[in-house]
C-alpha cells in the first residue's frame, strides 16, 4: 500500500485499549483522509450512524456492545460498509459467526502493522473493483427503518402497515427530515383543498401514526407545525 497520498475514504477504529487505539489511529491518519475512533460498541454505533464510514475496524472484546453484536446490528441494514475484525479467538464458533457478518478480513491479536496493512489492501481492492448499489434508507432508534426506494417502514425487519394517508404523511416527513412542516403544508399535501382536511382530522391522523412509531419520534413545534429528527 502506498502511503504518500491519502485515500479518500473514511474509517472507524473501535478498540477499548487506549494505547493500542491511539497508536493505530495515528497510523490510519497517515493513510486515510477521515479517521474516527470509539472506545465501546454504543459509541461506535452512534458514530457509524452519524458519519457513515466506508470501513470499520472493530475489536471483538469491547464494552457495552461487543464487536459481534455491533456488526450484527449494522448488518441488519447495511451490507456494504467494509469490516475488519480484531480478535483473540480462533475457535470454530467465532469463525461461523464471523462468516455471517460479511467481513473482508479478521486478524488475530497481537496484530502487526504489516498484517493490518495487508487487510486494508483487501479492503481497497474491494472498494475499487466491486460496486454495490445501496437502497437509500434511514435508520431510527428501536430498530425502525424507512426505505426510500421501497417506501416501506419496518421495525426489526417486520413491515409496519401504514394506511394510505398515514403513508402520505410519513413520506412527507421523510422528504423533509429535520425540517419543520407547517400545519397548512401538511393539510394541503394530504387533502389538497378538500373540506375534510382540517386541524382536527390532522390531529387524529397524527395520533394513529404515532402509535406505530417510536415514542416522541414526531415532534410538535408549538405554534408552527411538526417535524421528525434523524
Protein backbone atom coordinates (compact mmCIF):
# COMPACT_ATOMS: atom_id res chain seq x y z
CA UNK A 1 0.00 0.00 0.00
CA UNK A 2 1.32 3.40 -0.90
CA UNK A 3 1.22 5.98 1.88
CA UNK A 4 2.44 9.09 0.05
CA UNK A 5 -1.17 10.07 -0.74
CA UNK A 6 -4.18 9.57 1.47
CA UNK A 7 -7.16 7.53 0.37
CA UNK A 8 -10.41 9.44 0.09
CA UNK A 9 -12.29 7.00 2.32
CA UNK A 10 -13.42 7.25 5.93
CA UNK A 11 -12.65 4.64 8.57
CA UNK A 12 -13.87 3.94 12.10
CA UNK A 13 -11.50 2.17 14.50
CA UNK A 14 -13.15 0.61 17.58
CA UNK A 15 -10.90 -0.52 20.44
CA UNK A 16 -11.16 -0.06 24.22
CA UNK A 17 -7.42 -0.41 24.90
CA UNK A 18 -6.33 3.23 24.91
CA UNK A 19 -2.70 2.85 23.88
CA UNK A 20 -3.44 0.38 21.08
CA UNK A 21 -6.26 2.55 19.76
CA UNK A 22 -4.20 5.75 19.78
CA UNK A 23 -1.27 4.07 18.03
CA UNK A 24 -3.41 2.63 15.25
CA UNK A 25 -5.41 5.84 14.82
CA UNK A 26 -2.13 7.73 14.29
CA UNK A 27 -1.12 5.13 11.70
CA UNK A 28 -4.51 5.20 9.94
CA UNK A 29 -4.48 9.00 9.74
CA UNK A 30 -1.34 8.70 7.62
CA UNK A 31 -3.36 6.67 5.09
CA UNK A 32 -6.97 7.89 5.18
CA UNK A 33 -8.47 11.35 4.98
CA UNK A 34 -11.09 10.76 7.69
CA UNK A 35 -10.44 8.57 10.73
CA UNK A 36 -12.87 8.20 13.64
CA UNK A 37 -12.36 6.28 16.86
CA UNK A 38 -14.60 4.74 19.51
CA UNK A 39 -13.99 3.06 22.85
CA UNK A 40 -17.13 0.89 23.04
CA UNK A 41 -19.88 -0.55 20.88
CA UNK A 42 -22.52 2.03 21.75
CA UNK A 43 -20.24 4.97 20.93
CA UNK A 44 -19.16 3.18 17.74
CA UNK A 45 -22.76 2.66 16.61
CA UNK A 46 -23.60 6.32 17.20
CA UNK A 47 -20.55 7.41 15.20
CA UNK A 48 -21.44 4.93 12.46
CA UNK A 49 -24.97 6.37 12.16
CA UNK A 50 -23.70 9.95 12.08
CA UNK A 51 -20.57 9.63 9.92
CA UNK A 52 -21.39 6.60 7.71
CA UNK A 53 -17.74 5.46 7.41
CA UNK A 54 -16.65 3.37 4.43
CA UNK A 55 -14.59 0.98 6.56
CA UNK A 56 -14.92 -0.47 10.07
CA UNK A 57 -12.10 -1.98 12.11
CA UNK A 58 -13.69 -3.49 15.20
CA UNK A 59 -12.21 -5.31 18.17
CA UNK A 60 -14.46 -8.12 19.39
CA UNK A 61 -13.95 -7.56 23.12
CA UNK A 62 -15.28 -4.04 23.61
CA UNK A 63 -17.66 -2.84 26.37
CA UNK A 64 -21.42 -2.13 26.29
CA UNK A 65 -21.96 -3.77 22.90
CA UNK A 66 -19.31 -6.26 21.83
CA UNK A 67 -17.87 -6.27 18.34
CA UNK A 68 -20.02 -9.11 17.04
CA UNK A 69 -23.19 -7.52 18.42
CA UNK A 70 -22.21 -4.17 16.91
CA UNK A 71 -21.65 -5.67 13.45
CA UNK A 72 -24.82 -7.78 13.67
CA UNK A 73 -26.77 -4.60 14.42
CA UNK A 74 -25.17 -2.77 11.49
CA UNK A 75 -25.63 -5.71 9.10
CA UNK A 76 -29.39 -5.69 9.63
CA UNK A 77 -29.48 -2.71 7.28
CA UNK A 78 -26.01 -2.31 5.78
CA UNK A 79 -24.23 -4.98 3.75
CA UNK A 80 -21.95 -2.51 2.01
CA UNK A 81 -19.62 -0.98 4.62
CA UNK A 82 -16.36 -2.92 4.72
CA UNK A 83 -15.42 -4.57 8.01
CA UNK A 84 -12.27 -5.99 9.56
CA UNK A 85 -12.47 -7.70 12.95
CA UNK A 86 -9.70 -7.84 15.55
CA UNK A 87 -9.95 -10.88 17.80
CA UNK A 88 -8.13 -13.18 20.16
CA UNK A 89 -10.39 -16.05 19.07
CA UNK A 90 -9.54 -18.87 16.72
CA UNK A 91 -12.39 -21.22 17.63
CA UNK A 92 -14.91 -22.56 15.12
CA UNK A 93 -17.93 -20.90 16.78
CA UNK A 94 -16.41 -17.46 16.30
CA UNK A 95 -15.49 -18.21 12.70
CA UNK A 96 -19.04 -19.39 12.00
CA UNK A 97 -20.50 -16.19 13.42
CA UNK A 98 -17.94 -14.07 11.59
CA UNK A 99 -18.82 -15.56 8.19
CA UNK A 100 -22.36 -14.21 8.59
CA UNK A 101 -21.10 -10.67 9.06
CA UNK A 102 -19.66 -10.29 5.55
CA UNK A 103 -16.17 -9.45 6.78
CA UNK A 104 -13.38 -8.50 4.44
CA UNK A 105 -10.91 -9.99 6.92
CA UNK A 106 -10.29 -10.88 10.54
CA UNK A 107 -7.00 -10.56 12.40
CA UNK A 108 -5.92 -12.50 15.46
CA UNK A 109 -4.20 -10.41 18.15
CA UNK A 110 -1.45 -9.34 18.63
CA UNK A 111 -1.57 -7.62 15.24
CA UNK A 112 1.39 -6.20 13.38
CA UNK A 113 1.12 -3.18 11.13
CA UNK A 114 2.09 -5.41 8.23
CA UNK A 115 -0.88 -7.71 8.87
CA UNK A 116 -3.22 -4.73 9.19
CA UNK A 117 -1.84 -3.22 6.00
CA UNK A 118 -2.50 -6.46 4.10
CA UNK A 119 -6.11 -6.44 5.34
CA UNK A 120 -6.50 -2.82 4.27
CA UNK A 121 -5.13 -3.78 0.85
CA UNK A 122 -8.01 -6.28 0.57
CA UNK A 123 -10.50 -3.58 1.55
CA UNK A 124 -9.11 -1.15 -1.01
CA UNK A 125 -9.28 -3.82 -3.70
CA UNK A 126 -12.96 -4.43 -2.92
CA UNK A 127 -13.76 -0.71 -2.88
CA UNK A 128 -12.01 -0.15 -6.22
CA UNK A 129 -13.13 -3.21 -8.13
CA UNK A 130 -16.58 -4.13 -6.84
CA UNK A 131 -19.58 -1.84 -6.95
CA UNK A 132 -22.62 -2.42 -4.76
CA UNK A 133 -25.73 -0.30 -5.17
CA UNK A 134 -27.33 0.63 -1.87
CA UNK A 135 -31.00 1.13 -1.21
CA UNK A 136 -31.45 4.53 0.42
CA UNK A 137 -32.53 4.00 3.99
CA UNK A 138 -33.00 5.99 7.17
CA UNK A 139 -32.42 4.20 10.46
CA UNK A 140 -34.12 5.25 13.69
CA UNK A 141 -33.87 4.09 17.30
CA UNK A 142 -35.67 0.94 18.35
CA UNK A 143 -34.93 -0.99 15.16
CA UNK A 144 -37.10 1.22 12.94
CA UNK A 145 -36.02 1.77 9.35
CA UNK A 146 -37.51 3.62 6.38
CA UNK A 147 -36.64 2.52 2.84
CA UNK A 148 -36.96 5.46 0.44
CA UNK A 149 -36.79 3.20 -2.62
CA UNK A 150 -39.50 0.80 -1.43
CA UNK A 151 -41.42 3.41 0.58
CA UNK A 152 -41.62 0.88 3.38
CA UNK A 153 -41.36 1.26 7.16
CA UNK A 154 -40.06 -1.71 9.12
CA UNK A 155 -39.21 -2.49 12.73
CA UNK A 156 -36.57 -5.17 13.29
CA UNK A 157 -37.21 -6.44 9.78
CA UNK A 158 -41.02 -6.61 10.07
CA UNK A 159 -43.16 -4.36 7.87
CA UNK A 160 -45.32 -1.80 9.66
CA UNK A 161 -48.61 -1.33 7.83
CA UNK A 162 -49.49 2.28 7.14
CA UNK A 163 -52.83 3.41 5.78
CA UNK A 164 -52.80 5.49 2.61
CA UNK A 165 -52.97 8.83 4.44
CA UNK A 166 -50.52 7.69 7.14
CA UNK A 167 -48.06 6.77 4.39
CA UNK A 168 -48.51 10.10 2.58
CA UNK A 169 -47.87 11.91 5.86
CA UNK A 170 -44.84 9.80 6.74
CA UNK A 171 -43.32 10.24 3.27
CA UNK A 172 -43.83 13.99 3.66
CA UNK A 173 -41.93 13.90 6.96
CA UNK A 174 -39.12 11.76 5.48
CA UNK A 175 -38.77 14.05 2.46
CA UNK A 176 -38.40 16.97 4.89
CA UNK A 177 -36.35 15.23 7.58
CA UNK A 178 -35.14 17.58 10.36
CA UNK A 179 -37.31 20.38 8.95
CA UNK A 180 -40.50 21.76 10.49
CA UNK A 181 -43.62 21.24 8.38
CA UNK A 182 -46.35 23.80 8.87
CA UNK A 183 -49.87 22.61 9.57
CA UNK A 184 -51.07 24.25 6.37
CA UNK A 185 -48.46 22.48 4.25
CA UNK A 186 -49.39 19.12 5.74
CA UNK A 187 -53.11 19.73 5.23
CA UNK A 188 -52.64 20.76 1.60
CA UNK A 189 -50.27 17.84 0.85
CA UNK A 190 -52.70 15.24 2.18
CA UNK A 191 -56.15 16.67 1.50
CA UNK A 192 -55.42 19.37 -1.09
CA UNK A 193 -58.38 21.76 -0.80
CA UNK A 194 -60.85 19.14 0.44
CA UNK A 195 -63.00 20.37 3.36
CA UNK A 196 -62.33 17.13 5.26
CA UNK A 197 -58.76 18.27 5.72
CA UNK A 198 -58.67 20.33 8.90
CA UNK A 199 -56.73 20.62 12.14
CA UNK A 200 -58.88 18.04 13.93
CA UNK A 201 -58.55 15.38 11.21
CA UNK A 202 -54.80 16.03 11.10
CA UNK A 203 -54.51 15.54 14.86
CA UNK A 204 -56.43 12.27 14.57
CA UNK A 205 -54.15 11.09 11.77
CA UNK A 206 -51.04 12.05 13.77
CA UNK A 207 -52.36 10.20 16.81
CA UNK A 208 -52.83 7.00 14.79
CA UNK A 209 -49.44 7.32 13.11
CA UNK A 210 -47.64 7.96 16.43
CA UNK A 211 -48.94 4.64 17.78
CA UNK A 212 -46.95 2.87 15.05
CA UNK A 213 -43.71 4.79 15.65
CA UNK A 214 -41.14 5.13 18.45
CA UNK A 215 -42.22 7.39 21.27
CA UNK A 216 -41.60 11.11 20.64
CA UNK A 217 -40.47 10.47 17.07
CA UNK A 218 -42.88 13.12 15.76
CA UNK A 219 -42.24 16.43 17.49
CA UNK A 220 -44.86 19.13 17.90
CA UNK A 221 -43.28 22.55 17.36
CA UNK A 222 -45.72 24.78 19.21
CA UNK A 223 -47.47 27.31 17.01
CA UNK A 224 -45.63 26.19 13.87
CA UNK A 225 -46.13 22.53 12.97
CA UNK A 226 -44.41 19.16 13.24
CA UNK A 227 -41.07 17.54 12.45
CA UNK A 228 -39.17 14.26 12.61
CA UNK A 229 -35.49 14.24 13.55
CA UNK A 230 -32.99 11.78 12.07
